[in-house]
Amino acid sequence: MDRGKYKVMAAIDVGSNALRMMIAQVKPDGEVIPMEDLYQPTNMGKDTFAFGRIQVQSIHDTCDILKGFYRLMQDYKIKDYRAVTTSGIREAENREYVLEQIRIRSGLEVEIINNAQERFLMYKAIRNHMVNERMFSEKGTMIVDIGSGGVEISVYNLGTLKFTEYIKIGSLRLSEVLADLQKKTLDFPSIMEEFIDSRIDFLEEILPQFKINNFIGLGGELKTISGLCLSEGGNKVPNFVGKEELKKLYSKVHRHTTAQIKEEFGLKKNQAQILLPSIILFNSFLNMTEADGIYTPMVSLRHGLLADMVDERYDVAGRKEALNNIISSVWHVGKKYAVDEVHSAFIEKLTLSMFDQMLRVHMLGDKERLYLRVASILHDVGKYLNHNGHDIHSYNIVRFLDIMGFSDEELNLVANIVRYHSDDIPDLSHENYRVLSPSQQIVVSKLAVILRMAEALDISHKQKIKDIKISKVGNELYFDIAAREDILLEEWSFNSNATFFEEVMGNKPVIRRRG
């Protein structure tokens, strides 16, 4: 409902260990004012990580809680909401049944998001919380988000995202996977520490180059950890857990069982179960950096969801900043696969120029422009494996990438655009194209043909084109080219793709040399 200049929205996190909902007032300038913040524990993640399927009783309990959330939303007359779920349901073999039961019984449509989307939402949560902080502009900032199923790592340097990784060693997953070993040893924390080190040792060669001085922690019962450090006489700085305080807390809980932790610290069972693995995880990552502690902004996926909803509805400054971080992460992937950076940057520039000048021809929007931009940067990653048939290799690489903010469906669209940038054109005999919906096929074909035309104009990889102007006369599109030198090869390649372009766009492309 609207209250003057405010709009009321809801963000729901159907998590592995708990169900959470935040209701907030949102201003047009992007300010978010929380009104309600609800929490209820759940066994869904425990079921998934232990059995591979969510048990019937857990489904019933979850639906009942979410039905209560929905009733509260109705009391507030909320129409704008977003409900997401992560690894707890995403990795369950019966996830479709669970989501359908939630939809029917609670009235809520819950969206499964992947690790890249979750990381992007958490970035937005931190961005809004730290609007006056300078950590992102300084050298070496690492964000470690410990979830129930896995750990998200993001490294920023001089304000841009340089490295991301997702590792399946979440706090609840560790407890469930290693549960049998706990019965066989009196020093279970050391076994857990060894297991964690075996999964993150590859970072020891990567992280030093970033000289990480700032460590931001999220999730992993960090609120509980911070509170325990404070009660022990440490944690003097607000929103900060010092390295030594964390080590002291680790020493204290090191030999405690879950039952003992629950009893001594007055925690709920689900909190006690993940406290020890969370402390070990934070300690292990912190030891890989030069930071003297963990900055704890105390933001959550709910905050990120609300920030994302604000970005979608209002033209706030954060939208551009978020886009820049996506592109920065994409370039990181391109460099990893040794793309020709000069060529890829030139193709990126050409495709965006064509897209913007042809808006009335292709009738696509900002999301499709982003897909094209990402495809332009990554179109040649397949050459890392083999120059022959590199378009197919590029498709296979991009399809399984982890690009911040991209859903699996969006990533598949980008992979298909990349697939058709070179020799083949989209064909229903290709399974990757046939399984797309008709509207997706049109998007892929339109963006692929723009990428092909840009590629044709730099077939020599010499960046001969200085400028391009596109004008429409009747059913012909004139591409007026200003070039540094002879472009006979580029003209031939451009004309070779003209028939496909005309089929897709409905206009005949005509290349003309200017000057």
Protein backbone atom coordinates (compact mmCIF):
# COMPACT_ATOMS: atom_id res chain seq x y z
CA MET A 1 0.00 0.00 0.00
CA ASP A 2 1.08 3.61 -0.52
CA ARG A 3 1.56 5.96 2.41
CA GLY A 4 2.17 9.43 0.99
CA LYS A 5 5.48 9.18 -0.78
CA TYR A 6 6.21 5.75 0.67
CA LYS A 7 5.56 2.33 -0.84
CA VAL A 8 5.33 -0.77 1.32
CA MET A 9 7.15 -3.89 0.07
CA ALA A 10 7.99 -7.33 1.43
CA ALA A 11 11.08 -9.50 1.01
CA ILE A 12 10.91 -13.20 1.92
CA ASP A 13 13.90 -15.52 2.30
CA VAL A 14 12.87 -19.17 2.30
CA GLY A 15 16.22 -20.26 3.71
CA SER A 16 17.80 -23.59 4.57
CA ASN A 17 17.82 -22.98 8.31
CA ALA A 18 15.09 -20.36 8.75
CA LEU A 19 12.17 -18.60 7.06
CA ARG A 20 12.43 -14.81 7.22
CA MET A 21 10.32 -11.91 6.03
CA MET A 22 10.99 -8.19 6.15
CA ILE A 23 8.28 -5.62 5.49
CA ALA A 24 9.58 -2.14 4.80
CA GLN A 25 8.60 1.32 3.64
CA VAL A 26 10.51 2.44 0.56
CA LYS A 27 11.09 6.03 -0.57
CA PRO A 28 11.56 7.02 -4.24
CA ASP A 29 15.16 8.03 -3.41
CA GLY A 30 15.89 4.41 -2.46
CA GLU A 31 15.79 4.72 1.33
CA VAL A 32 14.42 1.55 2.96
CA ILE A 33 12.78 1.77 6.40
CA PRO A 34 12.10 -1.66 8.01
CA MET A 35 8.71 -2.10 9.69
CA GLU A 36 8.51 -5.83 10.45
CA ASP A 37 11.22 -8.51 10.50
CA LEU A 38 9.99 -12.06 11.12
CA TYR A 39 11.97 -15.25 11.78
CA GLN A 40 10.92 -18.89 12.06
CA PRO A 41 13.29 -21.91 12.09
CA THR A 42 12.95 -24.67 9.48
CA ASN A 43 14.39 -28.14 8.89
CA MET A 44 14.36 -27.94 5.09
CA GLY A 45 18.11 -27.50 4.70
CA LYS A 46 18.81 -30.23 7.22
CA ASP A 47 16.54 -32.60 5.26
CA THR A 48 18.13 -31.71 1.92
CA PHE A 49 21.74 -32.04 3.07
CA ALA A 50 21.08 -35.26 5.02
CA PHE A 51 18.56 -37.10 2.78
CA GLY A 52 18.57 -35.26 -0.56
CA ARG A 53 14.81 -34.64 -0.21
CA ILE A 54 12.68 -32.40 1.98
CA GLN A 55 10.56 -34.50 4.33
CA VAL A 56 6.76 -34.25 4.31
CA GLN A 57 6.52 -32.82 7.84
CA SER A 58 9.01 -30.07 6.94
CA ILE A 59 6.87 -29.20 3.90
CA HIS A 60 3.75 -28.94 6.09
CA ASP A 61 5.55 -26.76 8.66
CA THR A 62 7.00 -24.50 5.97
CA CYS A 63 3.64 -23.99 4.24
CA ASP A 64 1.95 -23.12 7.56
CA ILE A 65 4.60 -20.50 8.41
CA LEU A 66 4.54 -18.95 4.93
CA LYS A 67 0.75 -18.86 5.03
CA GLY A 68 1.10 -16.71 8.15
CA PHE A 69 3.57 -14.46 6.32
CA TYR A 70 1.06 -14.06 3.49
CA ARG A 71 -1.73 -13.09 5.88
CA LEU A 72 0.46 -10.35 7.35
CA MET A 73 1.20 -9.09 3.85
CA GLN A 74 -2.53 -8.90 3.21
CA ASP A 75 -3.00 -6.88 6.42
CA TYR A 76 -0.51 -4.36 5.02
CA LYS A 77 -2.19 -4.60 1.57
CA ILE A 78 1.20 -5.43 0.01
CA LYS A 79 1.30 -6.16 -3.71
CA ASP A 80 5.04 -5.68 -4.29
CA TYR A 81 6.95 -8.61 -2.85
CA ARG A 82 9.68 -11.01 -3.79
CA ALA A 83 10.18 -14.45 -2.27
CA VAL A 84 13.33 -16.46 -3.01
CA THR A 85 14.92 -19.69 -1.90
CA THR A 86 18.52 -20.88 -2.06
CA SER A 87 20.36 -24.18 -1.57
CA GLY A 88 17.92 -25.72 0.93
CA ILE A 89 15.22 -26.13 -1.72
CA ARG A 90 17.39 -25.66 -4.83
CA GLU A 91 19.34 -28.89 -4.16
CA ALA A 92 16.34 -30.96 -3.03
CA GLU A 93 15.29 -33.73 -5.42
CA ASN A 94 11.62 -32.93 -4.75
CA ARG A 95 11.95 -29.14 -5.07
CA GLU A 96 9.17 -28.82 -7.70
CA TYR A 97 6.65 -30.49 -5.39
CA VAL A 98 7.73 -28.32 -2.46
CA LEU A 99 7.37 -25.07 -4.43
CA GLU A 100 3.97 -26.13 -5.77
CA GLN A 101 2.72 -26.95 -2.27
CA ILE A 102 3.94 -23.54 -1.06
CA ARG A 103 2.15 -21.82 -3.96
CA ILE A 104 -1.16 -23.62 -3.42
CA ARG A 105 -1.25 -23.54 0.38
CA SER A 106 0.31 -20.14 1.15
CA GLY A 107 -0.41 -18.12 -2.00
CA LEU A 108 3.28 -17.20 -2.40
CA GLU A 109 5.29 -17.63 -5.60
CA VAL A 110 8.81 -18.57 -4.51
CA GLU A 111 11.70 -18.20 -6.95
CA ILE A 112 14.79 -20.43 -6.83
CA ILE A 113 17.91 -18.29 -7.19
CA ASN A 114 21.42 -19.52 -7.93
CA ASN A 115 24.66 -18.61 -6.18
CA ALA A 116 25.43 -15.75 -8.57
CA GLN A 117 22.04 -14.13 -7.95
CA GLU A 118 22.39 -14.57 -4.20
CA ARG A 119 25.84 -12.96 -4.27
CA PHE A 120 24.51 -10.04 -6.32
CA LEU A 121 21.66 -9.44 -3.85
CA MET A 122 24.06 -9.51 -0.91
CA TYR A 123 26.29 -7.02 -2.68
CA LYS A 124 23.29 -4.69 -3.02
CA ALA A 125 22.48 -5.12 0.67
CA ILE A 126 26.02 -4.14 1.64
CA ARG A 127 26.08 -1.27 -0.85
CA ASN A 128 22.99 0.30 0.71
CA HIS A 129 24.25 -0.25 4.26
CA MET A 130 27.76 1.09 3.62
CA VAL A 131 26.81 4.07 1.49
CA ASN A 132 29.16 6.32 3.49
CA GLU A 133 31.92 3.75 4.01
CA ARG A 134 35.16 3.77 2.01
CA MET A 135 35.97 0.07 2.17
CA PHE A 136 35.03 -0.62 -1.46
CA SER A 137 37.27 2.19 -2.73
CA GLU A 138 40.29 1.00 -0.79
CA LYS A 139 42.62 -1.81 -1.77
CA GLY A 140 41.73 -5.39 -0.96
CA THR A 141 38.25 -5.98 0.46
CA MET A 142 36.91 -9.52 0.79
CA ILE A 143 33.28 -10.35 1.51
CA VAL A 144 32.61 -13.79 2.98
CA ASP A 145 28.94 -14.78 3.16
CA ILE A 146 28.47 -18.03 5.06
CA GLY A 147 25.16 -19.64 4.20
CA SER A 148 23.70 -22.93 5.32
CA GLY A 149 24.67 -24.68 2.09
CA GLY A 150 27.79 -22.87 0.93
CA VAL A 151 30.16 -19.93 1.22
CA GLU A 152 30.18 -17.02 -1.22
CA ILE A 153 33.50 -15.16 -1.58
CA SER A 154 33.86 -11.83 -3.38
CA VAL A 155 37.06 -9.79 -3.61
CA TYR A 156 37.03 -6.08 -4.48
CA ASN A 157 40.06 -3.99 -5.38
CA LEU A 158 39.95 -0.22 -5.99
CA GLY A 159 36.17 -0.27 -6.09
CA THR A 160 35.69 -3.05 -8.65
CA LEU A 161 34.90 -6.74 -8.29
CA LYS A 162 37.97 -8.81 -9.13
CA PHE A 163 37.21 -12.36 -8.00
CA THR A 164 34.23 -14.47 -6.95
CA GLU A 165 33.86 -18.07 -5.85
CA TYR A 166 31.20 -20.33 -4.36
CA ILE A 167 32.27 -23.31 -2.24
CA LYS A 168 29.87 -25.95 -0.93
CA ILE A 169 30.97 -25.84 2.70
CA GLY A 170 28.06 -24.03 4.33
CA SER A 171 27.63 -24.22 8.11
CA LEU A 172 24.60 -26.53 8.12
CA ARG A 173 25.93 -28.67 5.25
CA LEU A 174 29.18 -29.25 7.21
CA SER A 175 27.24 -30.37 10.28
CA GLU A 176 25.16 -32.83 8.28
CA VAL A 177 27.90 -34.16 5.98
CA LEU A 178 30.37 -34.75 8.83
CA ALA A 179 27.79 -35.88 11.41
CA ASP A 180 29.03 -39.50 11.41
CA LEU A 181 32.60 -38.43 12.17
CA GLN A 182 31.51 -36.51 15.27
CA LYS A 183 30.66 -39.80 16.96
CA LYS A 184 34.14 -41.21 16.27
CA THR A 185 36.38 -38.50 17.69
CA LEU A 186 36.75 -36.29 20.76
CA ASP A 187 38.31 -33.55 18.62
CA PHE A 188 35.62 -33.06 15.99
CA PRO A 189 36.43 -29.34 15.41
CA SER A 190 39.95 -30.26 14.24
CA ILE A 191 38.50 -32.76 11.77
CA MET A 192 36.07 -30.10 10.53
CA GLU A 193 38.95 -27.63 10.21
CA GLU A 194 40.97 -30.12 8.14
CA PHE A 195 38.00 -30.73 5.88
CA ILE A 196 37.45 -26.99 5.35
CA ASP A 197 41.16 -26.41 4.63
CA SER A 198 41.06 -29.13 1.97
CA ARG A 199 38.27 -27.24 0.20
CA ILE A 200 39.74 -23.73 0.35
CA ASP A 201 43.51 -24.30 0.05
CA PHE A 202 43.43 -23.20 -3.62
CA LEU A 203 42.67 -19.66 -2.42
CA GLU A 204 46.10 -19.38 -0.79
CA GLU A 205 47.63 -18.80 -4.24
CA ILE A 206 44.93 -16.35 -5.40
CA LEU A 207 44.16 -14.04 -2.47
CA PRO A 208 47.66 -12.62 -1.65
CA GLN A 209 47.77 -10.68 -4.94
CA PHE A 210 44.85 -8.53 -3.71
CA LYS A 211 46.47 -7.60 -0.36
CA ILE A 212 43.23 -7.91 1.55
CA ASN A 213 43.07 -5.50 4.49
CA ASN A 214 39.29 -5.36 4.85
CA PHE A 215 37.15 -8.38 5.69
CA ILE A 216 33.35 -8.14 5.62
CA GLY A 217 31.41 -11.02 7.12
CA LEU A 218 27.81 -12.02 6.41
CA GLY A 219 25.53 -14.84 7.57
CA GLY A 220 26.81 -17.76 9.58
CA GLU A 221 25.09 -16.62 12.78
CA LEU A 222 27.50 -13.66 12.82
CA LYS A 223 25.05 -11.76 15.00
CA THR A 224 25.33 -14.53 17.59
CA ILE A 225 29.13 -14.63 17.26
CA SER A 226 29.38 -10.86 17.69
CA GLY A 227 27.10 -10.96 20.74
CA LEU A 228 29.14 -13.74 22.38
CA CYS A 229 32.38 -11.84 21.78
CA LEU A 230 30.80 -8.77 23.40
CA SER A 231 29.66 -10.77 26.44
CA GLU A 232 33.23 -12.07 26.87
CA GLY A 233 34.54 -8.52 27.15
CA GLY A 234 35.79 -8.17 23.57
CA ASN A 235 34.26 -6.60 20.49
CA LYS A 236 34.68 -2.98 21.71
CA VAL A 237 34.22 -1.48 18.22
CA PRO A 238 30.62 -1.39 16.88
CA ASN A 239 29.93 -3.84 14.04
CA PHE A 240 33.39 -5.38 14.35
CA VAL A 241 34.76 -8.71 15.62
CA GLY A 242 38.53 -8.65 16.20
CA LYS A 243 40.71 -11.54 15.10
CA GLU A 244 41.85 -12.26 18.68
CA GLU A 245 38.29 -12.16 20.04
CA LEU A 246 37.23 -14.69 17.41
CA LYS A 247 40.10 -16.99 18.35
CA LYS A 248 39.19 -16.77 22.05
CA LEU A 249 35.58 -17.68 21.27
CA TYR A 250 36.77 -20.59 19.12
CA SER A 251 38.89 -21.88 22.00
CA LYS A 252 35.91 -21.70 24.33
CA VAL A 253 33.47 -23.65 22.14
CA HIS A 254 36.12 -25.94 20.62
CA ARG A 255 35.34 -28.98 22.73
CA HIS A 256 31.61 -28.38 23.21
CA THR A 257 28.92 -30.54 21.69
CA THR A 258 25.89 -28.93 20.06
CA ALA A 259 23.84 -29.69 23.21
CA GLN A 260 26.48 -28.06 25.43
CA ILE A 261 26.66 -24.97 23.19
CA LYS A 262 22.86 -24.70 23.30
CA GLU A 263 22.83 -24.96 27.08
CA GLU A 264 25.79 -22.70 27.90
CA PHE A 265 24.97 -19.84 25.54
CA GLY A 266 21.17 -20.07 25.68
CA LEU A 267 20.76 -20.64 21.93
CA LYS A 268 18.06 -22.36 19.92
CA LYS A 269 19.00 -25.81 18.64
CA ASN A 270 19.30 -24.72 15.00
CA GLN A 271 21.55 -21.81 16.04
CA ALA A 272 23.74 -24.00 18.24
CA GLN A 273 24.17 -26.56 15.45
CA ILE A 274 25.80 -24.08 13.08
CA LEU A 275 27.73 -21.92 15.56
CA LEU A 276 30.93 -24.00 15.66
CA PRO A 277 31.24 -24.55 11.87
CA SER A 278 30.53 -20.85 11.33
CA ILE A 279 33.31 -19.80 13.73
CA ILE A 280 35.75 -22.22 12.10
CA LEU A 281 34.84 -20.98 8.61
CA PHE A 282 35.23 -17.29 9.50
CA ASN A 283 38.50 -18.02 11.28
CA SER A 284 39.91 -20.00 8.33
CA PHE A 285 39.11 -17.27 5.79
CA LEU A 286 40.25 -14.47 8.09
CA ASN A 287 43.65 -16.15 8.49
CA MET A 288 44.13 -15.92 4.70
CA THR A 289 44.00 -12.12 4.82
CA GLU A 290 45.89 -9.22 6.39
CA ALA A 291 42.70 -7.95 8.07
CA ASP A 292 42.68 -7.56 11.85
CA GLY A 293 39.05 -8.58 12.20
CA ILE A 294 35.62 -8.91 10.64
CA TYR A 295 33.42 -5.94 9.81
CA THR A 296 29.82 -7.04 10.51
CA PRO A 297 27.24 -4.84 8.73
CA MET A 298 24.46 -7.21 9.85
CA VAL A 299 22.62 -7.15 6.56
CA SER A 300 20.86 -10.12 5.01
CA LEU A 301 19.37 -11.46 1.82
CA ARG A 302 16.14 -9.67 2.76
CA HIS A 303 17.92 -6.31 2.67
CA GLY A 304 19.35 -7.22 -0.74
CA LEU A 305 15.94 -8.20 -2.09
CA LEU A 306 14.46 -4.87 -1.02
CA ALA A 307 17.42 -2.98 -2.53
CA ASP A 308 16.97 -4.87 -5.79
CA MET A 309 13.24 -4.09 -5.87
CA VAL A 310 14.10 -0.41 -5.35
CA ASP A 311 16.64 -0.55 -8.21
CA GLU A 312 14.03 -2.10 -10.49
CA ARG A 313 11.38 0.53 -9.75
CA TYR A 314 13.37 3.73 -9.27
CA ASP A 315 16.26 5.33 -11.15
CA VAL A 316 18.71 5.34 -8.24
CA ALA A 317 22.50 5.68 -8.45
CA GLY A 318 23.04 2.12 -7.27
CA ARG A 319 21.73 0.67 -10.53
CA LYS A 320 24.74 1.95 -12.51
CA GLU A 321 27.18 0.88 -9.81
CA ALA A 322 25.70 -2.63 -9.78
CA LEU A 323 25.95 -2.86 -13.59
CA ASN A 324 29.60 -1.80 -13.46
CA ASN A 325 30.35 -4.59 -10.98
CA ILE A 326 28.66 -7.17 -13.21
CA ILE A 327 30.76 -6.07 -16.20
CA SER A 328 33.91 -6.02 -14.08
CA SER A 329 33.27 -9.62 -13.00
CA VAL A 330 32.62 -10.64 -16.63
CA TRP A 331 35.96 -9.15 -17.70
CA HIS A 332 37.58 -11.15 -14.90
CA VAL A 333 36.15 -14.31 -16.49
CA GLY A 334 37.32 -13.21 -19.96
CA LYS A 335 40.87 -12.68 -18.73
CA LYS A 336 40.78 -16.08 -17.03
CA TYR A 337 40.15 -17.64 -20.46
CA ALA A 338 42.81 -15.43 -22.11
CA VAL A 339 40.49 -13.57 -24.49
CA ASP A 340 41.98 -10.98 -26.84
CA GLU A 341 41.08 -8.02 -24.62
CA VAL A 342 41.54 -5.36 -27.30
CA HIS A 343 39.33 -7.24 -29.77
CA SER A 344 36.65 -8.09 -27.19
CA ALA A 345 36.51 -4.49 -25.94
CA PHE A 346 36.18 -3.28 -29.53
CA ILE A 347 33.35 -5.75 -30.24
CA GLU A 348 31.64 -4.68 -27.00
CA LYS A 349 31.78 -1.05 -28.14
CA LEU A 350 30.52 -1.86 -31.67
CA THR A 351 27.63 -4.07 -30.57
CA LEU A 352 26.36 -1.54 -28.04
CA SER A 353 26.55 1.23 -30.63
CA MET A 354 24.57 -0.91 -33.09
CA PHE A 355 22.03 -1.94 -30.46
CA ASP A 356 21.41 1.66 -29.39
CA GLN A 357 21.06 2.94 -32.95
CA MET A 358 18.68 0.13 -33.92
CA LEU A 359 16.21 0.36 -31.01
CA ARG A 360 13.21 0.89 -33.31
CA VAL A 361 14.26 -2.09 -35.42
CA HIS A 362 14.85 -4.77 -32.77
CA MET A 363 12.51 -3.38 -30.05
CA LEU A 364 14.54 -4.92 -27.21
CA GLY A 365 15.28 -3.41 -23.78
CA ASP A 366 17.95 -2.87 -21.14
CA LYS A 367 18.13 -6.51 -20.04
CA GLU A 368 18.75 -7.68 -23.60
CA ARG A 369 21.39 -4.95 -23.98
CA LEU A 370 23.19 -6.40 -20.95
CA TYR A 371 23.00 -9.94 -22.42
CA LEU A 372 24.58 -8.64 -25.64
CA ARG A 373 27.30 -6.80 -23.74
CA VAL A 374 28.26 -9.90 -21.75
CA ALA A 375 28.19 -12.06 -24.89
CA SER A 376 30.44 -9.56 -26.69
CA ILE A 377 33.08 -9.79 -23.96
CA LEU A 378 32.95 -13.59 -23.72
CA HIS A 379 32.28 -14.65 -27.32
CA ASP A 380 35.80 -15.98 -27.87
CA VAL A 381 36.42 -17.77 -24.54
CA GLY A 382 36.17 -21.09 -26.39
CA LYS A 383 39.48 -20.38 -28.12
CA TYR A 384 41.09 -21.17 -24.77
CA LEU A 385 40.26 -24.82 -25.52
CA ASN A 386 40.50 -24.94 -29.31
CA HIS A 387 40.32 -22.39 -32.14
CA ASN A 388 38.44 -24.91 -34.28
CA GLY A 389 34.76 -24.86 -33.41
CA HIS A 390 35.45 -22.29 -30.71
CA ASP A 391 31.86 -21.01 -30.90
CA ILE A 392 30.58 -24.34 -29.52
CA HIS A 393 33.31 -24.39 -26.89
CA SER A 394 32.36 -20.82 -25.94
CA TYR A 395 28.73 -21.91 -25.56
CA ASN A 396 29.67 -24.78 -23.24
CA ILE A 397 31.92 -22.58 -21.10
CA VAL A 398 29.45 -19.70 -20.73
CA ARG A 399 26.53 -22.02 -19.97
CA PHE A 400 28.22 -23.19 -16.76
CA LEU A 401 29.73 -19.89 -15.63
CA ASP A 402 28.83 -18.13 -12.41
CA ILE A 403 28.13 -14.51 -13.44
CA MET A 404 26.99 -12.20 -10.66
CA GLY A 405 23.29 -11.42 -10.87
CA PHE A 406 22.47 -13.84 -13.73
CA SER A 407 19.86 -16.56 -13.35
CA ASP A 408 20.42 -19.96 -14.98
CA GLU A 409 17.90 -19.03 -17.67
CA GLU A 410 19.64 -15.73 -18.45
CA LEU A 411 23.02 -17.43 -18.56
CA ASN A 412 21.62 -19.94 -21.06
CA LEU A 413 20.44 -17.07 -23.28
CA VAL A 414 23.92 -15.49 -23.24
CA ALA A 415 25.48 -18.88 -24.02
CA ASN A 416 23.20 -19.25 -27.05
CA ILE A 417 24.07 -15.75 -28.30
CA VAL A 418 27.74 -16.66 -28.04
CA ARG A 419 27.07 -19.98 -29.79
CA TYR A 420 25.91 -18.20 -32.97
CA HIS A 421 28.47 -15.41 -33.28
CA SER A 422 30.63 -17.19 -35.87
CA ASP A 423 29.85 -19.93 -38.42
CA ASP A 424 26.45 -21.45 -37.55
CA ILE A 425 23.14 -19.63 -37.49
CA PRO A 426 20.29 -20.61 -35.12
CA ASP A 427 18.52 -23.74 -36.30
CA LEU A 428 15.74 -25.86 -34.79
CA SER A 429 17.85 -28.95 -35.43
CA HIS A 430 20.18 -27.66 -32.66
CA GLU A 431 18.85 -28.89 -29.33
CA ASN A 432 20.23 -25.88 -27.41
CA TYR A 433 18.12 -23.57 -29.62
CA ARG A 434 15.08 -25.83 -30.01
CA VAL A 435 14.44 -26.03 -26.23
CA LEU A 436 14.17 -22.24 -25.95
CA SER A 437 10.72 -20.67 -25.94
CA PRO A 438 9.72 -18.82 -29.18
CA SER A 439 10.27 -15.44 -27.52
CA GLN A 440 13.70 -16.53 -26.28
CA GLN A 441 14.61 -17.78 -29.76
CA ILE A 442 13.81 -14.33 -31.17
CA VAL A 443 15.95 -12.60 -28.53
CA VAL A 444 18.87 -14.96 -29.18
CA SER A 445 18.64 -14.53 -32.97
CA LYS A 446 18.42 -10.74 -32.83
CA LEU A 447 21.32 -10.34 -30.44
CA ALA A 448 23.40 -13.01 -32.19
CA VAL A 449 23.05 -11.28 -35.57
CA ILE A 450 24.15 -7.95 -34.07
CA LEU A 451 27.17 -9.69 -32.56
CA ARG A 452 27.91 -11.37 -35.93
CA MET A 453 27.82 -8.01 -37.73
CA ALA A 454 30.19 -6.46 -35.19
CA GLU A 455 32.48 -9.48 -35.49
CA ALA A 456 32.41 -9.11 -39.28
CA LEU A 457 33.55 -5.49 -38.96
CA ASP A 458 36.61 -6.61 -36.98
CA ILE A 459 37.33 -9.86 -38.78
CA SER A 460 40.97 -8.78 -39.14
CA HIS A 461 41.25 -8.01 -35.39
CA LYS A 462 42.86 -4.71 -36.37
CA GLN A 463 40.09 -2.38 -35.15
CA LYS A 464 39.94 -0.48 -38.45
CA ILE A 465 36.48 1.02 -37.81
CA LYS A 466 36.58 4.49 -36.26
CA ASP A 467 32.87 5.17 -36.21
CA ILE A 468 29.56 3.74 -37.40
CA LYS A 469 26.29 5.55 -38.12
CA ILE A 470 23.09 3.60 -38.85
CA SER A 471 20.11 5.10 -40.67
CA LYS A 472 16.88 3.53 -41.95
CA VAL A 473 15.40 4.25 -45.38
CA GLY A 474 12.40 2.10 -46.27
CA ASN A 475 13.37 -1.51 -45.65
CA GLU A 476 17.10 -0.81 -45.85
CA LEU A 477 19.47 -0.10 -43.00
CA TYR A 478 22.54 1.88 -44.03
CA PHE A 479 25.71 1.26 -42.06
CA ASP A 480 27.93 4.27 -42.80
CA ILE A 481 31.46 3.35 -41.80
CA ALA A 482 34.40 5.65 -41.05
CA ALA A 483 37.59 3.58 -41.19
CA ARG A 484 41.32 4.06 -40.70
CA GLU A 485 42.38 1.91 -43.65
CA ASP A 486 41.13 -0.46 -46.34
CA ILE A 487 38.11 -2.50 -45.15
CA LEU A 488 37.56 -4.76 -48.18
CA LEU A 489 37.79 -7.87 -45.98
CA GLU A 490 35.33 -6.40 -43.46
CA GLU A 491 32.87 -5.47 -46.23
CA TRP A 492 33.01 -9.02 -47.60
CA SER A 493 32.38 -10.51 -44.14
CA PHE A 494 29.57 -8.01 -43.46
CA ASN A 495 27.80 -8.88 -46.74
CA SER A 496 28.20 -12.60 -46.02
CA ASN A 497 25.93 -12.13 -43.00
CA ALA A 498 23.46 -9.79 -44.70
CA THR A 499 20.87 -12.46 -45.61
CA PHE A 500 20.64 -13.76 -42.04
CA PHE A 501 20.40 -10.18 -40.74
CA GLU A 502 17.53 -9.37 -43.13
CA GLU A 503 15.65 -12.55 -42.16
CA VAL A 504 15.85 -11.71 -38.47
CA MET A 505 15.50 -7.93 -38.49
CA GLY A 506 13.29 -7.49 -41.57
CA ASN A 507 15.63 -4.86 -43.00
CA LYS A 508 18.40 -5.25 -45.57
CA PRO A 509 21.79 -4.10 -44.22
CA VAL A 510 23.84 -1.96 -46.63
CA ILE A 511 27.41 -1.04 -45.80
CA ARG A 512 28.82 2.28 -47.04
CA ARG A 513 32.26 3.77 -46.60
CA ARG A 514 32.38 7.35 -45.28
CA GLY A 515 35.18 9.80 -46.05
